[in-house]
Amino acid sequence: MQCQLCDRSVDRLTLHHLVPRQVTKRKQIDTSPTVEICAACHRQIHTLFDNKVLAQELNSIDALKQNPSMQRFLRWVQKQDPNRKISIDCKRR
């Protein structure tokens, strides 16, 4: 299986809602489309960005890939062993 964000082949993928469920529930609208990404990318997204930014600015896979903070992470994570758990710094930047 291949992560739609970092393009690494990994054993398991997670579903990432492009518009956070918290936002869609509050507005009582259908859930947003999802993308299949690896756990490292998923944790990094939610470490770097709050739900408001994700809903308003980073609500597509292309927008996530174009974000400078994510680009730095993606360049780094693509060099990592896909079978190894990646530790994510939990401090928001």
C-alpha atoms as a PDB file:
ATOM      1  CA  MET A   1       0.000   0.000   0.000  1.00  0.00           C
ATOM      2  CA  GLN A   2       1.299   3.439  -0.860  1.00  0.00           C
ATOM      3  CA  CYS A   3       0.851   6.614   1.188  1.00  0.00           C
ATOM      4  CA  GLN A   4      -0.872   9.269  -0.904  1.00  0.00           C
ATOM      5  CA  LEU A   5       1.204  11.982   0.767  1.00  0.00           C
ATOM      6  CA  CYS A   6       4.792  10.720   1.045  1.00  0.00           C
ATOM      7  CA  ASP A   7       4.504   7.991  -1.616  1.00  0.00           C
ATOM      8  CA  ARG A   8       6.224   5.408   0.612  1.00  0.00           C
ATOM      9  CA  SER A   9       5.081   1.791   0.468  1.00  0.00           C
ATOM     10  CA  VAL A  10       3.911   0.784   3.943  1.00  0.00           C
ATOM     11  CA  ASP A  11       2.062  -2.148   5.512  1.00  0.00           C
ATOM     12  CA  ARG A  12      -0.853  -0.102   6.882  1.00  0.00           C
ATOM     13  CA  LEU A  13      -2.556   3.132   5.925  1.00  0.00           C
ATOM     14  CA  THR A  14      -4.860   5.397   7.906  1.00  0.00           C
ATOM     15  CA  LEU A  15      -7.799   7.453   6.657  1.00  0.00           C
ATOM     16  CA  HIS A  16      -7.345  11.210   6.891  1.00  0.00           C
ATOM     17  CA  HIS A  17     -10.457  13.375   6.501  1.00  0.00           C
ATOM     18  CA  LEU A  18      -9.489  16.343   4.349  1.00  0.00           C
ATOM     19  CA  VAL A  19     -11.934  18.494   6.321  1.00  0.00           C
ATOM     20  CA  PRO A  20     -11.745  17.422   9.978  1.00  0.00           C
ATOM     21  CA  ARG A  21     -14.788  15.547  11.269  1.00  0.00           C
ATOM     22  CA  GLN A  22     -15.047  18.053  14.122  1.00  0.00           C
ATOM     23  CA  VAL A  23     -15.838  20.749  11.556  1.00  0.00           C
ATOM     24  CA  THR A  24     -18.313  18.699   9.512  1.00  0.00           C
ATOM     25  CA  LYS A  25     -20.175  17.530  12.640  1.00  0.00           C
ATOM     26  CA  ARG A  26     -20.500  21.065  13.971  1.00  0.00           C
ATOM     27  CA  LYS A  27     -21.892  22.317  10.668  1.00  0.00           C
ATOM     28  CA  GLN A  28     -24.047  19.185  10.341  1.00  0.00           C
ATOM     29  CA  ILE A  29     -22.746  18.394   6.873  1.00  0.00           C
ATOM     30  CA  ASP A  30     -21.624  15.118   5.350  1.00  0.00           C
ATOM     31  CA  THR A  31     -18.124  13.995   6.121  1.00  0.00           C
ATOM     32  CA  SER A  32     -15.431  15.128   3.734  1.00  0.00           C
ATOM     33  CA  PRO A  33     -13.473  12.991   1.312  1.00  0.00           C
ATOM     34  CA  THR A  34     -10.646  10.963   2.803  1.00  0.00           C
ATOM     35  CA  VAL A  35      -7.161  10.051   1.667  1.00  0.00           C
ATOM     36  CA  GLU A  36      -5.114   7.020   2.653  1.00  0.00           C
ATOM     37  CA  ILE A  37      -1.858   8.048   4.286  1.00  0.00           C
ATOM     38  CA  CYS A  38       0.733   6.430   6.521  1.00  0.00           C
ATOM     39  CA  ALA A  39       0.625   6.907  10.274  1.00  0.00           C
ATOM     40  CA  ALA A  40       3.746   9.115  10.257  1.00  0.00           C
ATOM     41  CA  CYS A  41       2.214  11.581   7.801  1.00  0.00           C
ATOM     42  CA  HIS A  42      -1.097  11.532   9.665  1.00  0.00           C
ATOM     43  CA  ARG A  43       0.541  12.291  13.018  1.00  0.00           C
ATOM     44  CA  GLN A  44       2.665  15.041  11.465  1.00  0.00           C
ATOM     45  CA  ILE A  45      -0.365  16.751   9.900  1.00  0.00           C
ATOM     46  CA  HIS A  46      -2.191  16.880  13.220  1.00  0.00           C
ATOM     47  CA  THR A  47       0.957  17.983  15.043  1.00  0.00           C
ATOM     48  CA  LEU A  48       1.627  20.895  12.709  1.00  0.00           C
ATOM     49  CA  PHE A  49      -1.882  22.172  12.016  1.00  0.00           C
ATOM     50  CA  ASP A  50      -5.057  22.759  13.973  1.00  0.00           C
ATOM     51  CA  ASN A  51      -8.451  21.740  12.614  1.00  0.00           C
ATOM     52  CA  LYS A  52      -9.324  25.277  11.533  1.00  0.00           C
ATOM     53  CA  VAL A  53      -6.264  25.520   9.268  1.00  0.00           C
ATOM     54  CA  LEU A  54      -6.866  22.028   7.928  1.00  0.00           C
ATOM     55  CA  ALA A  55     -10.499  22.827   7.098  1.00  0.00           C
ATOM     56  CA  GLN A  56      -9.882  26.230   5.524  1.00  0.00           C
ATOM     57  CA  GLU A  57      -6.458  26.019   3.896  1.00  0.00           C
ATOM     58  CA  LEU A  58      -5.150  22.460   3.741  1.00  0.00           C
ATOM     59  CA  ASN A  59      -8.248  20.538   2.678  1.00  0.00           C
ATOM     60  CA  SER A  60      -6.720  18.751  -0.311  1.00  0.00           C
ATOM     61  CA  ILE A  61      -3.792  16.427  -0.800  1.00  0.00           C
ATOM     62  CA  ASP A  62      -2.186  18.973  -3.151  1.00  0.00           C
ATOM     63  CA  ALA A  63      -2.490  21.769  -0.582  1.00  0.00           C
ATOM     64  CA  LEU A  64      -0.845  19.554   2.038  1.00  0.00           C
ATOM     65  CA  LYS A  65       1.989  18.666  -0.352  1.00  0.00           C
ATOM     66  CA  GLN A  66       2.565  22.347  -1.186  1.00  0.00           C
ATOM     67  CA  ASN A  67       2.774  23.510   2.437  1.00  0.00           C
ATOM     68  CA  PRO A  68       6.435  24.370   3.294  1.00  0.00           C
ATOM     69  CA  SER A  69       6.330  22.635   6.694  1.00  0.00           C
ATOM     70  CA  MET A  70       4.937  19.467   5.165  1.00  0.00           C
ATOM     71  CA  GLN A  71       7.414  19.635   2.285  1.00  0.00           C
ATOM     72  CA  ARG A  72      10.310  19.608   4.783  1.00  0.00           C
ATOM     73  CA  PHE A  73       8.764  16.639   6.592  1.00  0.00           C
ATOM     74  CA  LEU A  74       8.018  14.769   3.337  1.00  0.00           C
ATOM     75  CA  ARG A  75      11.607  15.185   2.102  1.00  0.00           C
ATOM     76  CA  TRP A  76      12.831  13.737   5.398  1.00  0.00           C
ATOM     77  CA  VAL A  77      10.291  10.916   5.811  1.00  0.00           C
ATOM     78  CA  GLN A  78      10.813   9.651   2.257  1.00  0.00           C
ATOM     79  CA  LYS A  79      14.347   8.689   3.321  1.00  0.00           C
ATOM     80  CA  GLN A  80      13.118   6.692   6.327  1.00  0.00           C
ATOM     81  CA  ASP A  81      12.538   2.955   6.518  1.00  0.00           C
ATOM     82  CA  PRO A  82       8.789   2.444   5.921  1.00  0.00           C
ATOM     83  CA  ASN A  83       8.792  -0.548   8.309  1.00  0.00           C
ATOM     84  CA  ARG A  84      10.061   1.522  11.238  1.00  0.00           C
ATOM     85  CA  LYS A  85       7.793   3.590  13.473  1.00  0.00           C
ATOM     86  CA  ILE A  86       8.581   7.281  12.985  1.00  0.00           C
ATOM     87  CA  SER A  87       8.678   9.469  16.090  1.00  0.00           C
ATOM     88  CA  ILE A  88       6.993  12.822  15.621  1.00  0.00           C
ATOM     89  CA  ASP A  89       7.902  15.916  17.636  1.00  0.00           C
ATOM     90  CA  CYS A  90       4.575  16.831  19.220  1.00  0.00           C
ATOM     91  CA  LYS A  91       5.320  20.537  19.608  1.00  0.00           C
ATOM     92  CA  ARG A  92       3.251  22.683  17.241  1.00  0.00           C
ATOM     93  CA  ARG A  93       5.434  24.819  15.036  1.00  0.00           C
END
